[in-house]
């Protein structure tokens, strides 16, 4: 049977079967975690109940520049990117790669390293 309106419950609720809720539920409502998918792989994505989206992966740069293109765009905006160098070497440690905020787009970003350097990196992008 469907229950509508406001219900106040004191104590524990025992439920059998499935509890369902509308998509994109908000505070005070049931959250069904299947509504917030995750891809657990080297390159992946996770959508949090708040609507924040995390994307991660690996990339390379050559001659000081590299580009990351997301498999699927962020719906609204790319807010932040963190880049971690995975190539060893003294020169790379002095001039590690980083993402330029001026290059942020819902579809990806650009990574810059030292002039003439090439290497690999891990990245984490946050958006919505």
C-alpha atoms as a PDB file:
ATOM      1  CA  UNK A   1       0.000   0.000   0.000  1.00  0.00           C
ATOM      2  CA  UNK A   2       1.218   3.502  -0.716  1.00  0.00           C
ATOM      3  CA  UNK A   3       1.701   5.899   2.164  1.00  0.00           C
ATOM      4  CA  UNK A   4       1.318   9.620   1.504  1.00  0.00           C
ATOM      5  CA  UNK A   5       1.690  12.644   3.710  1.00  0.00           C
ATOM      6  CA  UNK A   6       3.967  13.088   6.715  1.00  0.00           C
ATOM      7  CA  UNK A   7       4.699  10.186   9.025  1.00  0.00           C
ATOM      8  CA  UNK A   8       6.464  10.556  12.370  1.00  0.00           C
ATOM      9  CA  UNK A   9       8.188   7.451  13.617  1.00  0.00           C
ATOM     10  CA  UNK A  10       9.607   6.891  17.093  1.00  0.00           C
ATOM     11  CA  UNK A  11      11.888   3.878  17.377  1.00  0.00           C
ATOM     12  CA  UNK A  12      13.000   1.506  14.641  1.00  0.00           C
ATOM     13  CA  UNK A  13      11.292   0.780  11.359  1.00  0.00           C
ATOM     14  CA  UNK A  14      11.344  -2.792  10.095  1.00  0.00           C
ATOM     15  CA  UNK A  15      10.629  -3.013   6.402  1.00  0.00           C
ATOM     16  CA  UNK A  16      10.463  -6.027   4.187  1.00  0.00           C
ATOM     17  CA  UNK A  17      10.492  -5.828   0.425  1.00  0.00           C
ATOM     18  CA  UNK A  18      11.755  -2.742  -1.396  1.00  0.00           C
ATOM     19  CA  UNK A  19      11.648   0.875  -0.345  1.00  0.00           C
ATOM     20  CA  UNK A  20      11.566   3.148  -3.379  1.00  0.00           C
ATOM     21  CA  UNK A  21      11.931   6.866  -3.925  1.00  0.00           C
ATOM     22  CA  UNK A  22      11.778   9.295  -6.801  1.00  0.00           C
ATOM     23  CA  UNK A  23      14.955  10.037  -8.746  1.00  0.00           C
ATOM     24  CA  UNK A  24      17.081  12.935  -7.453  1.00  0.00           C
ATOM     25  CA  UNK A  25      15.647  12.776  -3.932  1.00  0.00           C
ATOM     26  CA  UNK A  26      16.570  15.586  -1.554  1.00  0.00           C
ATOM     27  CA  UNK A  27      17.158  15.982   2.188  1.00  0.00           C
ATOM     28  CA  UNK A  28      14.716  14.147   4.404  1.00  0.00           C
ATOM     29  CA  UNK A  29      13.812  11.605   1.739  1.00  0.00           C
ATOM     30  CA  UNK A  30      14.920   8.048   1.092  1.00  0.00           C
ATOM     31  CA  UNK A  31      18.156   7.783  -0.866  1.00  0.00           C
ATOM     32  CA  UNK A  32      18.441   4.799  -3.185  1.00  0.00           C
ATOM     33  CA  UNK A  33      22.140   4.413  -3.873  1.00  0.00           C
ATOM     34  CA  UNK A  34      21.520   2.735  -7.233  1.00  0.00           C
ATOM     35  CA  UNK A  35      20.456   6.198  -8.416  1.00  0.00           C
ATOM     36  CA  UNK A  36      24.091   7.316  -8.032  1.00  0.00           C
ATOM     37  CA  UNK A  37      26.205   5.095 -10.274  1.00  0.00           C
ATOM     38  CA  UNK A  38      29.941   4.467 -10.012  1.00  0.00           C
ATOM     39  CA  UNK A  39      32.452   2.965 -12.437  1.00  0.00           C
ATOM     40  CA  UNK A  40      35.218   1.340 -10.389  1.00  0.00           C
ATOM     41  CA  UNK A  41      38.059   1.117 -12.892  1.00  0.00           C
ATOM     42  CA  UNK A  42      41.364   2.835 -13.692  1.00  0.00           C
ATOM     43  CA  UNK A  43      39.306   5.427 -15.558  1.00  0.00           C
ATOM     44  CA  UNK A  44      35.991   5.942 -13.839  1.00  0.00           C
ATOM     45  CA  UNK A  45      33.287   8.176 -12.511  1.00  0.00           C
ATOM     46  CA  UNK A  46      31.080   8.459  -9.421  1.00  0.00           C
ATOM     47  CA  UNK A  47      27.950  10.535  -8.944  1.00  0.00           C
ATOM     48  CA  UNK A  48      27.263  11.514  -5.335  1.00  0.00           C
ATOM     49  CA  UNK A  49      23.769  11.987  -3.869  1.00  0.00           C
ATOM     50  CA  UNK A  50      24.380  15.771  -3.764  1.00  0.00           C
ATOM     51  CA  UNK A  51      24.873  15.843  -7.547  1.00  0.00           C
ATOM     52  CA  UNK A  52      28.642  16.305  -7.316  1.00  0.00           C
ATOM     53  CA  UNK A  53      30.472  14.153  -9.881  1.00  0.00           C
ATOM     54  CA  UNK A  54      33.991  12.738  -9.548  1.00  0.00           C
ATOM     55  CA  UNK A  55      35.956  11.526 -12.576  1.00  0.00           C
ATOM     56  CA  UNK A  56      39.458  10.031 -12.572  1.00  0.00           C
ATOM     57  CA  UNK A  57      41.967   8.469 -14.904  1.00  0.00           C
ATOM     58  CA  UNK A  58      45.479   8.512 -16.320  1.00  0.00           C
ATOM     59  CA  UNK A  59      47.080  10.553 -19.061  1.00  0.00           C
ATOM     60  CA  UNK A  60      50.305  11.483 -20.781  1.00  0.00           C
ATOM     61  CA  UNK A  61      51.931  14.699 -21.876  1.00  0.00           C
ATOM     62  CA  UNK A  62      54.617  15.239 -24.507  1.00  0.00           C
ATOM     63  CA  UNK A  63      56.789  18.296 -25.119  1.00  0.00           C
ATOM     64  CA  UNK A  64      55.218  19.869 -22.015  1.00  0.00           C
ATOM     65  CA  UNK A  65      51.519  19.539 -22.983  1.00  0.00           C
ATOM     66  CA  UNK A  66      48.766  16.932 -22.756  1.00  0.00           C
ATOM     67  CA  UNK A  67      44.997  16.843 -23.111  1.00  0.00           C
ATOM     68  CA  UNK A  68      42.412  14.852 -21.159  1.00  0.00           C
ATOM     69  CA  UNK A  69      39.020  14.321 -22.806  1.00  0.00           C
ATOM     70  CA  UNK A  70      36.304  12.823 -20.622  1.00  0.00           C
ATOM     71  CA  UNK A  71      34.352   9.784 -21.865  1.00  0.00           C
ATOM     72  CA  UNK A  72      31.178  11.726 -20.964  1.00  0.00           C
ATOM     73  CA  UNK A  73      30.915  15.469 -20.345  1.00  0.00           C
ATOM     74  CA  UNK A  74      30.067  16.993 -16.981  1.00  0.00           C
ATOM     75  CA  UNK A  75      26.434  18.173 -17.315  1.00  0.00           C
ATOM     76  CA  UNK A  76      27.089  21.708 -15.999  1.00  0.00           C
ATOM     77  CA  UNK A  77      30.698  22.536 -15.069  1.00  0.00           C
ATOM     78  CA  UNK A  78      34.185  21.252 -14.289  1.00  0.00           C
ATOM     79  CA  UNK A  79      35.126  22.808 -10.941  1.00  0.00           C
ATOM     80  CA  UNK A  80      38.568  21.459 -10.073  1.00  0.00           C
ATOM     81  CA  UNK A  81      41.311  19.132 -11.321  1.00  0.00           C
ATOM     82  CA  UNK A  82      44.196  17.534  -9.415  1.00  0.00           C
ATOM     83  CA  UNK A  83      47.130  16.019 -11.301  1.00  0.00           C
ATOM     84  CA  UNK A  84      49.713  13.605  -9.795  1.00  0.00           C
ATOM     85  CA  UNK A  85      52.939  12.861 -11.641  1.00  0.00           C
ATOM     86  CA  UNK A  86      53.625   9.144 -12.173  1.00  0.00           C
ATOM     87  CA  UNK A  87      56.879   9.534 -14.164  1.00  0.00           C
ATOM     88  CA  UNK A  88      60.105   9.431 -12.147  1.00  0.00           C
ATOM     89  CA  UNK A  89      63.015  11.787 -12.747  1.00  0.00           C
ATOM     90  CA  UNK A  90      64.582  14.853 -11.188  1.00  0.00           C
ATOM     91  CA  UNK A  91      63.416  17.220 -13.938  1.00  0.00           C
ATOM     92  CA  UNK A  92      59.817  16.066 -13.546  1.00  0.00           C
ATOM     93  CA  UNK A  93      59.941  16.672  -9.792  1.00  0.00           C
ATOM     94  CA  UNK A  94      61.135  20.247 -10.373  1.00  0.00           C
ATOM     95  CA  UNK A  95      58.443  20.967 -12.961  1.00  0.00           C
ATOM     96  CA  UNK A  96      55.570  18.528 -12.333  1.00  0.00           C
ATOM     97  CA  UNK A  97      52.550  18.656 -14.644  1.00  0.00           C
ATOM     98  CA  UNK A  98      49.463  20.574 -13.629  1.00  0.00           C
ATOM     99  CA  UNK A  99      46.053  21.427 -15.074  1.00  0.00           C
ATOM    100  CA  UNK A 100      45.388  24.961 -16.234  1.00  0.00           C
ATOM    101  CA  UNK A 101      42.067  26.325 -14.881  1.00  0.00           C
ATOM    102  CA  UNK A 102      41.841  28.428 -18.045  1.00  0.00           C
ATOM    103  CA  UNK A 103      41.520  25.150 -19.990  1.00  0.00           C
ATOM    104  CA  UNK A 104      38.689  23.663 -17.886  1.00  0.00           C
ATOM    105  CA  UNK A 105      35.708  22.605 -19.989  1.00  0.00           C
ATOM    106  CA  UNK A 106      32.832  20.177 -19.367  1.00  0.00           C
ATOM    107  CA  UNK A 107      34.546  17.900 -21.912  1.00  0.00           C
ATOM    108  CA  UNK A 108      38.098  17.889 -20.474  1.00  0.00           C
ATOM    109  CA  UNK A 109      41.186  19.949 -19.643  1.00  0.00           C
ATOM    110  CA  UNK A 110      44.805  20.615 -20.642  1.00  0.00           C
ATOM    111  CA  UNK A 111      47.860  19.580 -18.631  1.00  0.00           C
ATOM    112  CA  UNK A 112      51.139  21.498 -18.795  1.00  0.00           C
ATOM    113  CA  UNK A 113      54.550  20.288 -17.640  1.00  0.00           C
ATOM    114  CA  UNK A 114      58.073  21.635 -18.051  1.00  0.00           C
ATOM    115  CA  UNK A 115      59.072  22.747 -21.553  1.00  0.00           C
ATOM    116  CA  UNK A 116      60.148  19.736 -23.573  1.00  0.00           C
ATOM    117  CA  UNK A 117      59.179  17.241 -20.850  1.00  0.00           C
ATOM    118  CA  UNK A 118      57.132  14.122 -21.472  1.00  0.00           C
ATOM    119  CA  UNK A 119      55.584  11.779 -18.953  1.00  0.00           C
ATOM    120  CA  UNK A 120      52.480  10.282 -17.419  1.00  0.00           C
ATOM    121  CA  UNK A 121      50.081  11.319 -14.664  1.00  0.00           C
ATOM    122  CA  UNK A 122      46.945  10.400 -12.733  1.00  0.00           C
ATOM    123  CA  UNK A 123      44.120  12.922 -12.550  1.00  0.00           C
ATOM    124  CA  UNK A 124      40.981  13.579 -10.501  1.00  0.00           C
ATOM    125  CA  UNK A 125      38.289  15.976 -11.761  1.00  0.00           C
ATOM    126  CA  UNK A 126      35.385  17.319  -9.723  1.00  0.00           C
ATOM    127  CA  UNK A 127      32.278  18.895 -11.226  1.00  0.00           C
ATOM    128  CA  UNK A 128      28.517  18.760 -11.529  1.00  0.00           C
END
